[in-house]
PDB file of N, CA and C in Angstrom:
ATOM      1  N   MET A   1     -32.474  71.600   3.740  1.00  0.00           N
ATOM      2  CA  MET A   1     -31.315  72.344   4.216  1.00  0.00           C
ATOM      3  C   MET A   1     -30.074  71.791   3.539  1.00  0.00           C
ATOM      4  N   ALA A   2     -29.266  72.655   3.013  1.00  0.00           N
ATOM      5  CA  ALA A   2     -28.055  72.256   2.317  1.00  0.00           C
ATOM      6  C   ALA A   2     -26.932  71.985   3.323  1.00  0.00           C
ATOM      7  N   TRP A   3     -26.013  71.140   2.907  1.00  0.00           N
ATOM      8  CA  TRP A   3     -24.867  70.838   3.768  1.00  0.00           C
ATOM      9  C   TRP A   3     -24.075  72.100   4.082  1.00  0.00           C
ATOM     10  N   ASP A   4     -24.035  73.035   3.140  1.00  0.00           N
ATOM     11  CA  ASP A   4     -23.306  74.284   3.381  1.00  0.00           C
ATOM     12  C   ASP A   4     -23.892  75.036   4.576  1.00  0.00           C
ATOM     13  N   ASP A   5     -25.224  75.001   4.699  1.00  0.00           N
ATOM     14  CA  ASP A   5     -25.866  75.665   5.839  1.00  0.00           C
ATOM     15  C   ASP A   5     -25.474  74.998   7.155  1.00  0.00           C
ATOM     16  N   LEU A   6     -25.409  73.680   7.146  1.00  0.00           N
ATOM     17  CA  LEU A   6     -25.033  72.958   8.362  1.00  0.00           C
ATOM     18  C   LEU A   6     -23.601  73.286   8.767  1.00  0.00           C
ATOM     19  N   TRP A   7     -22.695  73.307   7.812  1.00  0.00           N
ATOM     20  CA  TRP A   7     -21.300  73.636   8.114  1.00  0.00           C
ATOM     21  C   TRP A   7     -21.157  75.084   8.575  1.00  0.00           C
ATOM     22  N   ALA A   8     -21.938  75.998   7.969  1.00  0.00           N
ATOM     23  CA  ALA A   8     -21.902  77.404   8.379  1.00  0.00           C
ATOM     24  C   ALA A   8     -22.408  77.542   9.811  1.00  0.00           C
ATOM     25  N   ALA A   9     -23.472  76.811  10.155  1.00  0.00           N
ATOM     26  CA  ALA A   9     -24.006  76.851  11.519  1.00  0.00           C
ATOM     27  C   ALA A   9     -22.987  76.312  12.516  1.00  0.00           C
ATOM     28  N   LEU A  10     -22.328  75.227  12.168  1.00  0.00           N
ATOM     29  CA  LEU A  10     -21.301  74.658  13.053  1.00  0.00           C
ATOM     30  C   LEU A  10     -20.153  75.643  13.247  1.00  0.00           C
ATOM     31  N   ALA A  11     -19.721  76.279  12.168  1.00  0.00           N
ATOM     32  CA  ALA A  11     -18.634  77.255  12.267  1.00  0.00           C
ATOM     33  C   ALA A  11     -19.031  78.434  13.151  1.00  0.00           C
ATOM     34  N   LEU A  12     -20.250  78.927  12.983  1.00  0.00           N
ATOM     35  CA  LEU A  12     -20.724  80.042  13.800  1.00  0.00           C
ATOM     36  C   LEU A  12     -20.817  79.640  15.266  1.00  0.00           C
ATOM     37  N   MET A  13     -21.282  78.424  15.534  1.00  0.00           N
ATOM     38  CA  MET A  13     -21.356  77.937  16.912  1.00  0.00           C
ATOM     39  C   MET A  13     -19.958  77.919  17.547  1.00  0.00           C
ATOM     40  N   LEU A  14     -18.962  77.454  16.811  1.00  0.00           N
ATOM     41  CA  LEU A  14     -17.600  77.411  17.348  1.00  0.00           C
ATOM     42  C   LEU A  14     -17.057  78.811  17.615  1.00  0.00           C
ATOM     43  N   VAL A  15     -17.370  79.754  16.729  1.00  0.00           N
ATOM     44  CA  VAL A  15     -16.937  81.138  16.937  1.00  0.00           C
ATOM     45  C   VAL A  15     -17.569  81.698  18.211  1.00  0.00           C
ATOM     46  N   LEU A  16     -18.880  81.507  18.358  1.00  0.00           N
ATOM     47  CA  LEU A  16     -19.576  82.039  19.531  1.00  0.00           C
ATOM     48  C   LEU A  16     -19.120  81.368  20.822  1.00  0.00           C
ATOM     49  N   GLU A  17     -18.891  80.061  20.782  1.00  0.00           N
ATOM     50  CA  GLU A  17     -18.428  79.367  21.985  1.00  0.00           C
ATOM     51  C   GLU A  17     -17.005  79.774  22.355  1.00  0.00           C
ATOM     52  N   GLY A  18     -16.229  80.217  21.398  1.00  0.00           N
ATOM     53  CA  GLY A  18     -14.858  80.621  21.675  1.00  0.00           C
ATOM     54  C   GLY A  18     -14.721  82.034  22.197  1.00  0.00           C
ATOM     55  N   LEU A  19     -15.787  82.821  22.121  1.00  0.00           N
ATOM     56  CA  LEU A  19     -15.693  84.221  22.551  1.00  0.00           C
ATOM     57  C   LEU A  19     -15.352  84.369  24.025  1.00  0.00           C
ATOM     58  N   MET A  20     -16.097  83.691  24.893  1.00  0.00           N
ATOM     59  CA  MET A  20     -15.879  83.888  26.333  1.00  0.00           C
ATOM     60  C   MET A  20     -14.492  83.432  26.790  1.00  0.00           C
ATOM     61  N   PRO A  21     -14.038  82.231  26.396  1.00  0.00           N
ATOM     62  CA  PRO A  21     -12.684  81.871  26.840  1.00  0.00           C
ATOM     63  C   PRO A  21     -11.602  82.786  26.264  1.00  0.00           C
ATOM     64  N   ALA A  22     -11.850  83.356  25.089  1.00  0.00           N
ATOM     65  CA  ALA A  22     -10.857  84.242  24.481  1.00  0.00           C
ATOM     66  C   ALA A  22     -10.853  85.618  25.149  1.00  0.00           C
ATOM     67  N   LEU A  23     -12.047  86.116  25.488  1.00  0.00           N
ATOM     68  CA  LEU A  23     -12.141  87.467  26.034  1.00  0.00           C
ATOM     69  C   LEU A  23     -12.022  87.530  27.555  1.00  0.00           C
ATOM     70  N   ALA A  24     -12.497  86.494  28.237  1.00  0.00           N
ATOM     71  CA  ALA A  24     -12.491  86.504  29.704  1.00  0.00           C
ATOM     72  C   ALA A  24     -12.219  85.094  30.227  1.00  0.00           C
ATOM     73  N   PRO A  25     -10.985  84.621  30.093  1.00  0.00           N
ATOM     74  CA  PRO A  25     -10.690  83.241  30.490  1.00  0.00           C
ATOM     75  C   PRO A  25     -10.935  82.957  31.969  1.00  0.00           C
ATOM     76  N   ARG A  26     -10.660  83.914  32.834  1.00  0.00           N
ATOM     77  CA  ARG A  26     -10.872  83.681  34.270  1.00  0.00           C
ATOM     78  C   ARG A  26     -12.362  83.524  34.577  1.00  0.00           C
ATOM     79  N   ALA A  27     -13.191  84.395  34.020  1.00  0.00           N
ATOM     80  CA  ALA A  27     -14.639  84.305  34.231  1.00  0.00           C
ATOM     81  C   ALA A  27     -15.183  83.012  33.622  1.00  0.00           C
ATOM     82  N   PHE A  28     -14.637  82.612  32.490  1.00  0.00           N
ATOM     83  CA  PHE A  28     -15.060  81.371  31.849  1.00  0.00           C
ATOM     84  C   PHE A  28     -14.745  80.173  32.732  1.00  0.00           C
ATOM     85  N   ARG A  29     -13.548  80.153  33.296  1.00  0.00           N
ATOM     86  CA  ARG A  29     -13.143  79.063  34.184  1.00  0.00           C
ATOM     87  C   ARG A  29     -14.026  79.007  35.428  1.00  0.00           C
ATOM     88  N   GLU A  30     -14.344  80.170  35.993  1.00  0.00           N
ATOM     89  CA  GLU A  30     -15.216  80.216  37.168  1.00  0.00           C
ATOM     90  C   GLU A  30     -16.630  79.731  36.828  1.00  0.00           C
ATOM     91  N   ALA A  31     -17.133  80.130  35.667  1.00  0.00           N
ATOM     92  CA  ALA A  31     -18.472  79.696  35.252  1.00  0.00           C
ATOM     93  C   ALA A  31     -18.510  78.180  35.074  1.00  0.00           C
ATOM     94  N   LEU A  32     -17.465  77.621  34.486  1.00  0.00           N
ATOM     95  CA  LEU A  32     -17.418  76.172  34.311  1.00  0.00           C
ATOM     96  C   LEU A  32     -17.353  75.445  35.646  1.00  0.00           C
ATOM     97  N   SER A  33     -16.585  75.979  36.567  1.00  0.00           N
ATOM     98  CA  SER A  33     -16.497  75.308  37.864  1.00  0.00           C
ATOM     99  C   SER A  33     -17.829  75.386  38.613  1.00  0.00           C
ATOM    100  N   GLN A  34     -18.558  76.492  38.471  1.00  0.00           N
ATOM    101  CA  GLN A  34     -19.880  76.589  39.093  1.00  0.00           C
ATOM    102  C   GLN A  34     -20.863  75.637  38.432  1.00  0.00           C
ATOM    103  N   MET A  35     -20.786  75.510  37.114  1.00  0.00           N
ATOM    104  CA  MET A  35     -21.677  74.585  36.407  1.00  0.00           C
ATOM    105  C   MET A  35     -21.398  73.141  36.808  1.00  0.00           C
ATOM    106  N   ALA A  36     -20.152  72.834  37.093  1.00  0.00           N
ATOM    107  CA  ALA A  36     -19.790  71.467  37.476  1.00  0.00           C
ATOM    108  C   ALA A  36     -20.443  71.055  38.790  1.00  0.00           C
ATOM    109  N   THR A  37     -20.818  72.018  39.601  1.00  0.00           N
ATOM    110  CA  THR A  37     -21.440  71.696  40.884  1.00  0.00           C
ATOM    111  C   THR A  37     -22.970  71.618  40.808  1.00  0.00           C
ATOM    112  N   LEU A  38     -23.540  71.997  39.675  1.00  0.00           N
ATOM    113  CA  LEU A  38     -25.002  71.953  39.529  1.00  0.00           C
ATOM    114  C   LEU A  38     -25.485  70.511  39.417  1.00  0.00           C
ATOM    115  N   PRO A  39     -26.670  70.249  39.924  1.00  0.00           N
ATOM    116  CA  PRO A  39     -27.233  68.902  39.773  1.00  0.00           C
ATOM    117  C   PRO A  39     -27.545  68.597  38.300  1.00  0.00           C
ATOM    118  N   ASP A  40     -27.548  67.306  37.966  1.00  0.00           N
ATOM    119  CA  ASP A  40     -27.818  66.893  36.590  1.00  0.00           C
ATOM    120  C   ASP A  40     -29.151  67.430  36.088  1.00  0.00           C
ATOM    121  N   ARG A  41     -30.149  67.444  36.940  1.00  0.00           N
ATOM    122  CA  ARG A  41     -31.483  67.903  36.546  1.00  0.00           C
ATOM    123  C   ARG A  41     -31.440  69.345  36.045  1.00  0.00           C
ATOM    124  N   ILE A  42     -30.723  70.197  36.742  1.00  0.00           N
ATOM    125  CA  ILE A  42     -30.623  71.611  36.360  1.00  0.00           C
ATOM    126  C   ILE A  42     -29.868  71.747  35.042  1.00  0.00           C
ATOM    127  N   LEU A  43     -28.778  71.001  34.891  1.00  0.00           N
ATOM    128  CA  LEU A  43     -28.025  71.059  33.638  1.00  0.00           C
ATOM    129  C   LEU A  43     -28.874  70.592  32.461  1.00  0.00           C
ATOM    130  N   ARG A  44     -29.678  69.541  32.691  1.00  0.00           N
ATOM    131  CA  ARG A  44     -30.575  69.074  31.627  1.00  0.00           C
ATOM    132  C   ARG A  44     -31.590  70.145  31.257  1.00  0.00           C
ATOM    133  N   LEU A  45     -32.143  70.827  32.254  1.00  0.00           N
ATOM    134  CA  LEU A  45     -33.112  71.889  31.984  1.00  0.00           C
ATOM    135  C   LEU A  45     -32.470  73.048  31.216  1.00  0.00           C
ATOM    136  N   ILE A  46     -31.259  73.398  31.576  1.00  0.00           N
ATOM    137  CA  ILE A  46     -30.536  74.459  30.862  1.00  0.00           C
ATOM    138  C   ILE A  46     -30.303  74.041  29.410  1.00  0.00           C
ATOM    139  N   GLY A  47     -29.863  72.799  29.211  1.00  0.00           N
ATOM    140  CA  GLY A  47     -29.638  72.299  27.858  1.00  0.00           C
ATOM    141  C   GLY A  47     -30.913  72.257  27.042  1.00  0.00           C
ATOM    142  N   LEU A  48     -32.004  71.802  27.655  1.00  0.00           N
ATOM    143  CA  LEU A  48     -33.289  71.745  26.961  1.00  0.00           C
ATOM    144  C   LEU A  48     -33.774  73.145  26.588  1.00  0.00           C
ATOM    145  N   ALA A  49     -33.662  74.080  27.517  1.00  0.00           N
ATOM    146  CA  ALA A  49     -34.079  75.452  27.241  1.00  0.00           C
ATOM    147  C   ALA A  49     -33.252  76.052  26.107  1.00  0.00           C
ATOM    148  N   SER A  50     -31.962  75.761  26.094  1.00  0.00           N
ATOM    149  CA  SER A  50     -31.095  76.254  25.036  1.00  0.00           C
ATOM    150  C   SER A  50     -31.483  75.667  23.679  1.00  0.00           C
ATOM    151  N   MET A  51     -31.774  74.377  23.646  1.00  0.00           N
ATOM    152  CA  MET A  51     -32.172  73.736  22.388  1.00  0.00           C
ATOM    153  C   MET A  51     -33.503  74.285  21.880  1.00  0.00           C
ATOM    154  N   VAL A  52     -34.473  74.423  22.779  1.00  0.00           N
ATOM    155  CA  VAL A  52     -35.784  74.947  22.373  1.00  0.00           C
ATOM    156  C   VAL A  52     -35.649  76.390  21.897  1.00  0.00           C
ATOM    157  N   GLY A  53     -34.906  77.191  22.644  1.00  0.00           N
ATOM    158  CA  GLY A  53     -34.693  78.582  22.240  1.00  0.00           C
ATOM    159  C   GLY A  53     -34.007  78.687  20.883  1.00  0.00           C
ATOM    160  N   GLY A  54     -33.010  77.849  20.661  1.00  0.00           N
ATOM    161  CA  GLY A  54     -32.322  77.849  19.378  1.00  0.00           C
ATOM    162  C   GLY A  54     -33.220  77.408  18.239  1.00  0.00           C
ATOM    163  N   ALA A  55     -34.059  76.395  18.487  1.00  0.00           N
ATOM    164  CA  ALA A  55     -34.973  75.916  17.447  1.00  0.00           C
ATOM    165  C   ALA A  55     -36.014  76.982  17.107  1.00  0.00           C
ATOM    166  N   VAL A  56     -36.535  77.665  18.129  1.00  0.00           N
ATOM    167  CA  VAL A  56     -37.508  78.730  17.887  1.00  0.00           C
ATOM    168  C   VAL A  56     -36.860  79.878  17.121  1.00  0.00           C
ATOM    169  N   LEU A  57     -35.664  80.263  17.518  1.00  0.00           N
ATOM    170  CA  LEU A  57     -34.954  81.332  16.828  1.00  0.00           C
ATOM    171  C   LEU A  57     -34.678  80.954  15.377  1.00  0.00           C
ATOM    172  N   LEU A  58     -34.250  79.732  15.151  1.00  0.00           N
ATOM    173  CA  LEU A  58     -33.996  79.282  13.786  1.00  0.00           C
ATOM    174  C   LEU A  58     -35.280  79.311  12.959  1.00  0.00           C
ATOM    175  N   TYR A  59     -36.385  78.859  13.546  1.00  0.00           N
ATOM    176  CA  TYR A  59     -37.668  78.894  12.854  1.00  0.00           C
ATOM    177  C   TYR A  59     -38.041  80.325  12.473  1.00  0.00           C
ATOM    178  N   LEU A  60     -37.907  81.252  13.426  1.00  0.00           N
ATOM    179  CA  LEU A  60     -38.254  82.648  13.160  1.00  0.00           C
ATOM    180  C   LEU A  60     -37.364  83.265  12.084  1.00  0.00           C
ATOM    181  N   VAL A  61     -36.091  82.955  12.129  1.00  0.00           N
ATOM    182  CA  VAL A  61     -35.157  83.498  11.129  1.00  0.00           C
ATOM    183  C   VAL A  61     -35.472  82.948   9.751  1.00  0.00           C
ATOM    184  N   ARG A  62     -35.767  81.660   9.667  1.00  0.00           N
ATOM    185  CA  ARG A  62     -36.054  81.019   8.377  1.00  0.00           C
ATOM    186  C   ARG A  62     -37.387  81.467   7.800  1.00  0.00           C
ATOM    187  N   GLN A  63     -38.328  81.858   8.649  1.00  0.00           N
ATOM    188  CA  GLN A  63     -39.636  82.311   8.167  1.00  0.00           C
ATOM    189  C   GLN A  63     -39.589  83.741   7.646  1.00  0.00           C
ATOM    190  N   GLY A  64     -38.635  84.534   8.177  1.00  0.00           N
ATOM    191  CA  GLY A  64     -38.547  85.952   7.828  1.00  0.00           C
ATOM    192  C   GLY A  64     -37.941  86.148   6.515  1.00  0.00           C
TER     193      GLY A  64
END
């Protein structure tokens, strides 16, 4: 994997993460406050599921 791909992925991640606060700041704030009340175990599971899903998606995209 080239460094350019890594930087492009980071840039795309920042664009996607910025969508919700830019388009719906109130809903974003409410979602964050609800997430802050979740137990650590649930947050870890959400993070793990997100990482696995992203890795599978990346694998599928790279194979196609």
